[in-house]
Amino acid sequence: MVHLKPIKTDPSHTLEEYSTRLATLTPGFSGADIANLCNESAIMAARKNKLFVETIDFELASERIIAGLEKKRMLTDDEKKIIAV
């Protein structure tokens, strides 16, 4: 609840509903990790020009934080051979 207060969330849901959803998305997260997730979800909503943060933004932010950014590096032929063997 502490990290959700500064974020403008969808008024059709209560902060308790958001905090319950965040609890299911973030098992084992520290307070700093949850704050990072809330900030990342606000950034994702802002990039899409949304007026408020929705549940989907929290879910996408959790995937991004847990899995990290996608790597775009191409493998060399030698690396491909090593992996294949």
PDB file of N, CA and C in Angstrom:
ATOM      1  N   MET A   1       0.825  -1.196   0.000  1.00  0.00           N
ATOM      2  CA  MET A   1       0.000   0.000   0.000  1.00  0.00           C
ATOM      3  C   MET A   1       0.867   1.256   0.000  1.00  0.00           C
ATOM      4  N   VAL A   2       2.009   1.190   0.689  1.00  0.00           N
ATOM      5  CA  VAL A   2       2.880   2.358   0.804  1.00  0.00           C
ATOM      6  C   VAL A   2       3.388   2.790  -0.573  1.00  0.00           C
ATOM      7  N   HIS A   3       3.779   1.835  -1.386  1.00  0.00           N
ATOM      8  CA  HIS A   3       4.355   2.161  -2.692  1.00  0.00           C
ATOM      9  C   HIS A   3       3.289   2.485  -3.730  1.00  0.00           C
ATOM     10  N   LEU A   4       2.051   2.128  -3.468  1.00  0.00           N
ATOM     11  CA  LEU A   4       0.973   2.416  -4.414  1.00  0.00           C
ATOM     12  C   LEU A   4       0.392   3.816  -4.242  1.00  0.00           C
ATOM     13  N   LYS A   5       0.529   4.398  -3.062  1.00  0.00           N
ATOM     14  CA  LYS A   5      -0.100   5.698  -2.796  1.00  0.00           C
ATOM     15  C   LYS A   5       0.321   6.806  -3.759  1.00  0.00           C
ATOM     16  N   PRO A   6       1.617   6.945  -4.105  1.00  0.00           N
ATOM     17  CA  PRO A   6       1.967   8.052  -5.009  1.00  0.00           C
ATOM     18  C   PRO A   6       1.577   7.822  -6.467  1.00  0.00           C
ATOM     19  N   ILE A   7       1.160   6.615  -6.803  1.00  0.00           N
ATOM     20  CA  ILE A   7       0.838   6.285  -8.190  1.00  0.00           C
ATOM     21  C   ILE A   7      -0.643   6.508  -8.442  1.00  0.00           C
ATOM     22  N   LYS A   8      -0.930   7.123  -9.575  1.00  0.00           N
ATOM     23  CA  LYS A   8      -2.325   7.364  -9.966  1.00  0.00           C
ATOM     24  C   LYS A   8      -2.849   6.085 -10.618  1.00  0.00           C
ATOM     25  N   THR A   9      -3.722   5.370  -9.897  1.00  0.00           N
ATOM     26  CA  THR A   9      -4.228   4.089 -10.374  1.00  0.00           C
ATOM     27  C   THR A   9      -5.645   4.233 -10.908  1.00  0.00           C
ATOM     28  N   ASP A  10      -6.091   3.195 -11.577  1.00  0.00           N
ATOM     29  CA  ASP A  10      -7.432   3.139 -12.144  1.00  0.00           C
ATOM     30  C   ASP A  10      -8.467   3.298 -11.031  1.00  0.00           C
ATOM     31  N   PRO A  11      -9.347   4.294 -11.113  1.00  0.00           N
ATOM     32  CA  PRO A  11     -10.326   4.521 -10.043  1.00  0.00           C
ATOM     33  C   PRO A  11     -11.396   3.439  -9.922  1.00  0.00           C
ATOM     34  N   SER A  12     -11.493   2.554 -10.896  1.00  0.00           N
ATOM     35  CA  SER A  12     -12.497   1.495 -10.808  1.00  0.00           C
ATOM     36  C   SER A  12     -12.071   0.382  -9.852  1.00  0.00           C
ATOM     37  N   HIS A  13     -10.814   0.407  -9.401  1.00  0.00           N
ATOM     38  CA  HIS A  13     -10.303  -0.571  -8.434  1.00  0.00           C
ATOM     39  C   HIS A  13      -9.781   0.161  -7.205  1.00  0.00           C
ATOM     40  N   THR A  14      -9.847  -0.501  -6.061  1.00  0.00           N
ATOM     41  CA  THR A  14      -9.353   0.098  -4.823  1.00  0.00           C
ATOM     42  C   THR A  14      -7.869  -0.209  -4.651  1.00  0.00           C
ATOM     43  N   LEU A  15      -7.214   0.521  -3.767  1.00  0.00           N
ATOM     44  CA  LEU A  15      -5.806   0.255  -3.479  1.00  0.00           C
ATOM     45  C   LEU A  15      -5.632  -1.129  -2.859  1.00  0.00           C
ATOM     46  N   GLU A  16      -6.624  -1.603  -2.122  1.00  0.00           N
ATOM     47  CA  GLU A  16      -6.556  -2.935  -1.534  1.00  0.00           C
ATOM     48  C   GLU A  16      -6.534  -4.012  -2.618  1.00  0.00           C
ATOM     49  N   GLU A  17      -7.323  -3.807  -3.678  1.00  0.00           N
ATOM     50  CA  GLU A  17      -7.312  -4.761  -4.792  1.00  0.00           C
ATOM     51  C   GLU A  17      -5.957  -4.769  -5.489  1.00  0.00           C
ATOM     52  N   TYR A  18      -5.391  -3.582  -5.692  1.00  0.00           N
ATOM     53  CA  TYR A  18      -4.069  -3.502  -6.307  1.00  0.00           C
ATOM     54  C   TYR A  18      -3.003  -4.126  -5.417  1.00  0.00           C
ATOM     55  N   SER A  19      -3.077  -3.887  -4.113  1.00  0.00           N
ATOM     56  CA  SER A  19      -2.063  -4.438  -3.218  1.00  0.00           C
ATOM     57  C   SER A  19      -2.162  -5.963  -3.153  1.00  0.00           C
ATOM     58  N   THR A  20      -3.375  -6.497  -3.225  1.00  0.00           N
ATOM     59  CA  THR A  20      -3.545  -7.952  -3.252  1.00  0.00           C
ATOM     60  C   THR A  20      -2.956  -8.535  -4.524  1.00  0.00           C
ATOM     61  N   ARG A  21      -3.182  -7.873  -5.643  1.00  0.00           N
ATOM     62  CA  ARG A  21      -2.632  -8.347  -6.920  1.00  0.00           C
ATOM     63  C   ARG A  21      -1.109  -8.263  -6.913  1.00  0.00           C
ATOM     64  N   LEU A  22      -0.569  -7.179  -6.371  1.00  0.00           N
ATOM     65  CA  LEU A  22       0.882  -7.051  -6.288  1.00  0.00           C
ATOM     66  C   LEU A  22       1.479  -8.133  -5.402  1.00  0.00           C
ATOM     67  N   ALA A  23       0.787  -8.500  -4.339  1.00  0.00           N
ATOM     68  CA  ALA A  23       1.283  -9.546  -3.453  1.00  0.00           C
ATOM     69  C   ALA A  23       1.386 -10.883  -4.180  1.00  0.00           C
ATOM     70  N   THR A  24       0.441 -11.154  -5.076  1.00  0.00           N
ATOM     71  CA  THR A  24       0.510 -12.409  -5.827  1.00  0.00           C
ATOM     72  C   THR A  24       1.573 -12.364  -6.922  1.00  0.00           C
ATOM     73  N   LEU A  25       1.861 -11.169  -7.446  1.00  0.00           N
ATOM     74  CA  LEU A  25       2.864 -11.033  -8.504  1.00  0.00           C
ATOM     75  C   LEU A  25       4.290 -11.029  -7.969  1.00  0.00           C
ATOM     76  N   THR A  26       4.461 -10.712  -6.695  1.00  0.00           N
ATOM     77  CA  THR A  26       5.804 -10.444  -6.178  1.00  0.00           C
ATOM     78  C   THR A  26       6.162 -11.282  -4.954  1.00  0.00           C
ATOM     79  N   PRO A  27       6.095 -12.607  -5.029  1.00  0.00           N
ATOM     80  CA  PRO A  27       6.495 -13.393  -3.859  1.00  0.00           C
ATOM     81  C   PRO A  27       8.001 -13.289  -3.630  1.00  0.00           C
ATOM     82  N   GLY A  28       8.389 -12.990  -2.413  1.00  0.00           N
ATOM     83  CA  GLY A  28       9.799 -12.891  -2.081  1.00  0.00           C
ATOM     84  C   GLY A  28      10.446 -11.557  -2.413  1.00  0.00           C
ATOM     85  N   PHE A  29       9.695 -10.600  -2.911  1.00  0.00           N
ATOM     86  CA  PHE A  29      10.263  -9.295  -3.240  1.00  0.00           C
ATOM     87  C   PHE A  29      10.474  -8.487  -1.971  1.00  0.00           C
ATOM     88  N   SER A  30      11.523  -7.688  -1.966  1.00  0.00           N
ATOM     89  CA  SER A  30      11.735  -6.751  -0.863  1.00  0.00           C
ATOM     90  C   SER A  30      10.910  -5.493  -1.130  1.00  0.00           C
ATOM     91  N   GLY A  31      10.895  -4.588  -0.155  1.00  0.00           N
ATOM     92  CA  GLY A  31      10.181  -3.331  -0.339  1.00  0.00           C
ATOM     93  C   GLY A  31      10.736  -2.525  -1.496  1.00  0.00           C
ATOM     94  N   ALA A  32      12.059  -2.550  -1.651  1.00  0.00           N
ATOM     95  CA  ALA A  32      12.692  -1.826  -2.758  1.00  0.00           C
ATOM     96  C   ALA A  32      12.302  -2.432  -4.102  1.00  0.00           C
ATOM     97  N   ASP A  33      12.190  -3.757  -4.161  1.00  0.00           N
ATOM     98  CA  ASP A  33      11.773  -4.417  -5.402  1.00  0.00           C
ATOM     99  C   ASP A  33      10.339  -4.032  -5.768  1.00  0.00           C
ATOM    100  N   ILE A  34       9.470  -3.964  -4.766  1.00  0.00           N
ATOM    101  CA  ILE A  34       8.076  -3.589  -5.013  1.00  0.00           C
ATOM    102  C   ILE A  34       7.989  -2.127  -5.445  1.00  0.00           C
ATOM    103  N   ALA A  35       8.803  -1.266  -4.830  1.00  0.00           N
ATOM    104  CA  ALA A  35       8.834   0.143  -5.242  1.00  0.00           C
ATOM    105  C   ALA A  35       9.306   0.252  -6.686  1.00  0.00           C
ATOM    106  N   ASN A  36      10.305  -0.541  -7.062  1.00  0.00           N
ATOM    107  CA  ASN A  36      10.813  -0.553  -8.430  1.00  0.00           C
ATOM    108  C   ASN A  36       9.720  -1.016  -9.392  1.00  0.00           C
ATOM    109  N   LEU A  37       8.964  -2.032  -9.012  1.00  0.00           N
ATOM    110  CA  LEU A  37       7.880  -2.532  -9.851  1.00  0.00           C
ATOM    111  C   LEU A  37       6.805  -1.470 -10.037  1.00  0.00           C
ATOM    112  N   CYS A  38       6.452  -0.779  -8.968  1.00  0.00           N
ATOM    113  CA  CYS A  38       5.441   0.286  -9.064  1.00  0.00           C
ATOM    114  C   CYS A  38       5.920   1.413  -9.975  1.00  0.00           C
ATOM    115  N   ASN A  39       7.178   1.795  -9.834  1.00  0.00           N
ATOM    116  CA  ASN A  39       7.728   2.845 -10.692  1.00  0.00           C
ATOM    117  C   ASN A  39       7.781   2.402 -12.151  1.00  0.00           C
ATOM    118  N   GLU A  40       8.181   1.165 -12.373  1.00  0.00           N
ATOM    119  CA  GLU A  40       8.258   0.640 -13.743  1.00  0.00           C
ATOM    120  C   GLU A  40       6.869   0.582 -14.376  1.00  0.00           C
ATOM    121  N   SER A  41       5.865   0.205 -13.608  1.00  0.00           N
ATOM    122  CA  SER A  41       4.505   0.161 -14.158  1.00  0.00           C
ATOM    123  C   SER A  41       4.009   1.565 -14.491  1.00  0.00           C
ATOM    124  N   ALA A  42       4.376   2.549 -13.679  1.00  0.00           N
ATOM    125  CA  ALA A  42       3.987   3.931 -13.982  1.00  0.00           C
ATOM    126  C   ALA A  42       4.686   4.424 -15.246  1.00  0.00           C
ATOM    127  N   ILE A  43       5.936   4.043 -15.422  1.00  0.00           N
ATOM    128  CA  ILE A  43       6.675   4.420 -16.638  1.00  0.00           C
ATOM    129  C   ILE A  43       6.029   3.779 -17.869  1.00  0.00           C
ATOM    130  N   MET A  44       5.665   2.507 -17.757  1.00  0.00           N
ATOM    131  CA  MET A  44       5.042   1.813 -18.891  1.00  0.00           C
ATOM    132  C   MET A  44       3.697   2.444 -19.256  1.00  0.00           C
ATOM    133  N   ALA A  45       2.929   2.832 -18.258  1.00  0.00           N
ATOM    134  CA  ALA A  45       1.642   3.492 -18.523  1.00  0.00           C
ATOM    135  C   ALA A  45       1.857   4.856 -19.167  1.00  0.00           C
ATOM    136  N   ALA A  46       2.878   5.576 -18.708  1.00  0.00           N
ATOM    137  CA  ALA A  46       3.163   6.898 -19.274  1.00  0.00           C
ATOM    138  C   ALA A  46       3.614   6.794 -20.727  1.00  0.00           C
ATOM    139  N   ARG A  47       4.356   5.756 -21.051  1.00  0.00           N
ATOM    140  CA  ARG A  47       4.799   5.567 -22.437  1.00  0.00           C
ATOM    141  C   ARG A  47       3.632   5.329 -23.381  1.00  0.00           C
ATOM    142  N   LYS A  48       2.552   4.764 -22.844  1.00  0.00           N
ATOM    143  CA  LYS A  48       1.361   4.513 -23.656  1.00  0.00           C
ATOM    144  C   LYS A  48       0.351   5.650 -23.548  1.00  0.00           C
ATOM    145  N   ASN A  49       0.759   6.767 -22.919  1.00  0.00           N
ATOM    146  CA  ASN A  49      -0.089   7.960 -22.743  1.00  0.00           C
ATOM    147  C   ASN A  49      -1.392   7.653 -21.999  1.00  0.00           C
ATOM    148  N   LYS A  50      -1.313   6.771 -21.028  1.00  0.00           N
ATOM    149  CA  LYS A  50      -2.486   6.457 -20.215  1.00  0.00           C
ATOM    150  C   LYS A  50      -2.633   7.498 -19.112  1.00  0.00           C
ATOM    151  N   LEU A  51      -3.848   7.712 -18.666  1.00  0.00           N
ATOM    152  CA  LEU A  51      -4.104   8.664 -17.592  1.00  0.00           C
ATOM    153  C   LEU A  51      -3.808   8.072 -16.225  1.00  0.00           C
ATOM    154  N   PHE A  52      -3.873   6.743 -16.116  1.00  0.00           N
ATOM    155  CA  PHE A  52      -3.601   6.086 -14.846  1.00  0.00           C
ATOM    156  C   PHE A  52      -3.025   4.703 -15.102  1.00  0.00           C
ATOM    157  N   VAL A  53      -2.459   4.114 -14.054  1.00  0.00           N
ATOM    158  CA  VAL A  53      -1.837   2.793 -14.145  1.00  0.00           C
ATOM    159  C   VAL A  53      -2.916   1.736 -13.952  1.00  0.00           C
ATOM    160  N   GLU A  54      -2.913   0.753 -14.834  1.00  0.00           N
ATOM    161  CA  GLU A  54      -3.882  -0.337 -14.762  1.00  0.00           C
ATOM    162  C   GLU A  54      -3.193  -1.621 -14.311  1.00  0.00           C
ATOM    163  N   THR A  55      -3.971  -2.643 -14.055  1.00  0.00           N
ATOM    164  CA  THR A  55      -3.437  -3.921 -13.591  1.00  0.00           C
ATOM    165  C   THR A  55      -2.478  -4.522 -14.603  1.00  0.00           C
ATOM    166  N   ILE A  56      -2.784  -4.402 -15.876  1.00  0.00           N
ATOM    167  CA  ILE A  56      -1.916  -4.968 -16.910  1.00  0.00           C
ATOM    168  C   ILE A  56      -0.533  -4.344 -16.874  1.00  0.00           C
ATOM    169  N   ASP A  57      -0.448  -3.067 -16.511  1.00  0.00           N
ATOM    170  CA  ASP A  57       0.852  -2.402 -16.419  1.00  0.00           C
ATOM    171  C   ASP A  57       1.696  -3.007 -15.300  1.00  0.00           C
ATOM    172  N   PHE A  58       1.055  -3.357 -14.185  1.00  0.00           N
ATOM    173  CA  PHE A  58       1.777  -4.017 -13.097  1.00  0.00           C
ATOM    174  C   PHE A  58       2.269  -5.394 -13.523  1.00  0.00           C
ATOM    175  N   GLU A  59       1.443  -6.115 -14.273  1.00  0.00           N
ATOM    176  CA  GLU A  59       1.824  -7.452 -14.716  1.00  0.00           C
ATOM    177  C   GLU A  59       2.987  -7.397 -15.709  1.00  0.00           C
ATOM    178  N   LEU A  60       2.923  -6.467 -16.649  1.00  0.00           N
ATOM    179  CA  LEU A  60       4.012  -6.329 -17.619  1.00  0.00           C
ATOM    180  C   LEU A  60       5.299  -5.875 -16.945  1.00  0.00           C
ATOM    181  N   ALA A  61       5.182  -4.992 -15.967  1.00  0.00           N
ATOM    182  CA  ALA A  61       6.358  -4.526 -15.242  1.00  0.00           C
ATOM    183  C   ALA A  61       6.983  -5.656 -14.439  1.00  0.00           C
ATOM    184  N   SER A  62       6.154  -6.532 -13.859  1.00  0.00           N
ATOM    185  CA  SER A  62       6.705  -7.651 -13.096  1.00  0.00           C
ATOM    186  C   SER A  62       7.459  -8.604 -14.010  1.00  0.00           C
ATOM    187  N   GLU A  63       6.937  -8.859 -15.200  1.00  0.00           N
ATOM    188  CA  GLU A  63       7.638  -9.702 -16.165  1.00  0.00           C
ATOM    189  C   GLU A  63       8.970  -9.079 -16.560  1.00  0.00           C
ATOM    190  N   ARG A  64       8.962  -7.777 -16.771  1.00  0.00           N
ATOM    191  CA  ARG A  64      10.186  -7.089 -17.169  1.00  0.00           C
ATOM    192  C   ARG A  64      11.229  -7.116 -16.059  1.00  0.00           C
ATOM    193  N   ILE A  65      10.794  -6.952 -14.816  1.00  0.00           N
ATOM    194  CA  ILE A  65      11.733  -6.946 -13.696  1.00  0.00           C
ATOM    195  C   ILE A  65      12.262  -8.348 -13.423  1.00  0.00           C
ATOM    196  N   ILE A  66      11.392  -9.347 -13.455  1.00  0.00           N
ATOM    197  CA  ILE A  66      11.812 -10.713 -13.164  1.00  0.00           C
ATOM    198  C   ILE A  66      12.698 -11.275 -14.280  1.00  0.00           C
ATOM    199  N   ALA A  67      12.277 -11.118 -15.516  1.00  0.00           N
ATOM    200  CA  ALA A  67      13.006 -11.698 -16.645  1.00  0.00           C
ATOM    201  C   ALA A  67      14.094 -10.784 -17.185  1.00  0.00           C
ATOM    202  N   GLY A  68      13.988  -9.498 -16.969  1.00  0.00           N
ATOM    203  CA  GLY A  68      14.962  -8.563 -17.504  1.00  0.00           C
ATOM    204  C   GLY A  68      14.636  -8.181 -18.932  1.00  0.00           C
ATOM    205  N   LEU A  69      15.459  -7.298 -19.476  1.00  0.00           N
ATOM    206  CA  LEU A  69      15.252  -6.858 -20.846  1.00  0.00           C
ATOM    207  C   LEU A  69      15.687  -7.941 -21.822  1.00  0.00           C
ATOM    208  N   GLU A  70      15.040  -7.977 -22.962  1.00  0.00           N
ATOM    209  CA  GLU A  70      15.376  -8.953 -23.989  1.00  0.00           C
ATOM    210  C   GLU A  70      16.740  -8.631 -24.582  1.00  0.00           C
ATOM    211  N   LYS A  71      17.539  -9.647 -24.737  1.00  0.00           N
ATOM    212  CA  LYS A  71      18.864  -9.482 -25.327  1.00  0.00           C
ATOM    213  C   LYS A  71      18.753  -9.593 -26.842  1.00  0.00           C
ATOM    214  N   LYS A  72      19.397  -8.690 -27.559  1.00  0.00           N
ATOM    215  CA  LYS A  72      19.318  -8.668 -29.025  1.00  0.00           C
ATOM    216  C   LYS A  72      20.636  -9.140 -29.670  1.00  0.00           C
ATOM    217  N   ARG A  73      21.537  -9.702 -28.858  1.00  0.00           N
ATOM    218  CA  ARG A  73      22.848 -10.084 -29.362  1.00  0.00           C
ATOM    219  C   ARG A  73      22.750 -11.319 -30.258  1.00  0.00           C
ATOM    220  N   MET A  74      23.425 -11.264 -31.385  1.00  0.00           N
ATOM    221  CA  MET A  74      23.461 -12.383 -32.307  1.00  0.00           C
ATOM    222  C   MET A  74      24.632 -13.294 -31.958  1.00  0.00           C
ATOM    223  N   LEU A  75      24.442 -14.593 -32.127  1.00  0.00           N
ATOM    224  CA  LEU A  75      25.496 -15.555 -31.855  1.00  0.00           C
ATOM    225  C   LEU A  75      26.406 -15.683 -33.072  1.00  0.00           C
ATOM    226  N   THR A  76      27.684 -15.868 -32.794  1.00  0.00           N
ATOM    227  CA  THR A  76      28.631 -16.119 -33.893  1.00  0.00           C
ATOM    228  C   THR A  76      28.507 -17.583 -34.305  1.00  0.00           C
ATOM    229  N   ASP A  77      29.099 -17.930 -35.430  1.00  0.00           N
ATOM    230  CA  ASP A  77      29.036 -19.311 -35.905  1.00  0.00           C
ATOM    231  C   ASP A  77      29.715 -20.261 -34.923  1.00  0.00           C
ATOM    232  N   ASP A  78      30.817 -19.823 -34.316  1.00  0.00           N
ATOM    233  CA  ASP A  78      31.505 -20.663 -33.334  1.00  0.00           C
ATOM    234  C   ASP A  78      30.630 -20.903 -32.103  1.00  0.00           C
ATOM    235  N   GLU A  79      29.931 -19.880 -31.652  1.00  0.00           N
ATOM    236  CA  GLU A  79      29.047 -20.028 -30.493  1.00  0.00           C
ATOM    237  C   GLU A  79      27.883 -20.975 -30.810  1.00  0.00           C
ATOM    238  N   LYS A  80      27.353 -20.865 -32.018  1.00  0.00           N
ATOM    239  CA  LYS A  80      26.265 -21.755 -32.423  1.00  0.00           C
ATOM    240  C   LYS A  80      26.725 -23.217 -32.447  1.00  0.00           C
ATOM    241  N   LYS A  81      27.955 -23.435 -32.915  1.00  0.00           N
ATOM    242  CA  LYS A  81      28.508 -24.786 -32.972  1.00  0.00           C
ATOM    243  C   LYS A  81      28.701 -25.360 -31.564  1.00  0.00           C
ATOM    244  N   ILE A  82      29.195 -24.538 -30.656  1.00  0.00           N
ATOM    245  CA  ILE A  82      29.396 -24.983 -29.272  1.00  0.00           C
ATOM    246  C   ILE A  82      28.069 -25.336 -28.619  1.00  0.00           C
ATOM    247  N   ILE A  83      27.062 -24.517 -28.843  1.00  0.00           N
ATOM    248  CA  ILE A  83      25.741 -24.783 -28.263  1.00  0.00           C
ATOM    249  C   ILE A  83      25.131 -26.051 -28.849  1.00  0.00           C
ATOM    250  N   ALA A  84      25.319 -26.258 -30.152  1.00  0.00           N
ATOM    251  CA  ALA A  84      24.737 -27.427 -30.816  1.00  0.00           C
ATOM    252  C   ALA A  84      25.394 -28.715 -30.336  1.00  0.00           C
ATOM    253  N   VAL A  85      26.661 -28.660 -30.049  1.00  0.00           N
ATOM    254  CA  VAL A  85      27.372 -29.863 -29.602  1.00  0.00           C
ATOM    255  C   VAL A  85      27.138 -30.052 -28.130  1.00  0.00           C
TER     256      VAL A  85
END
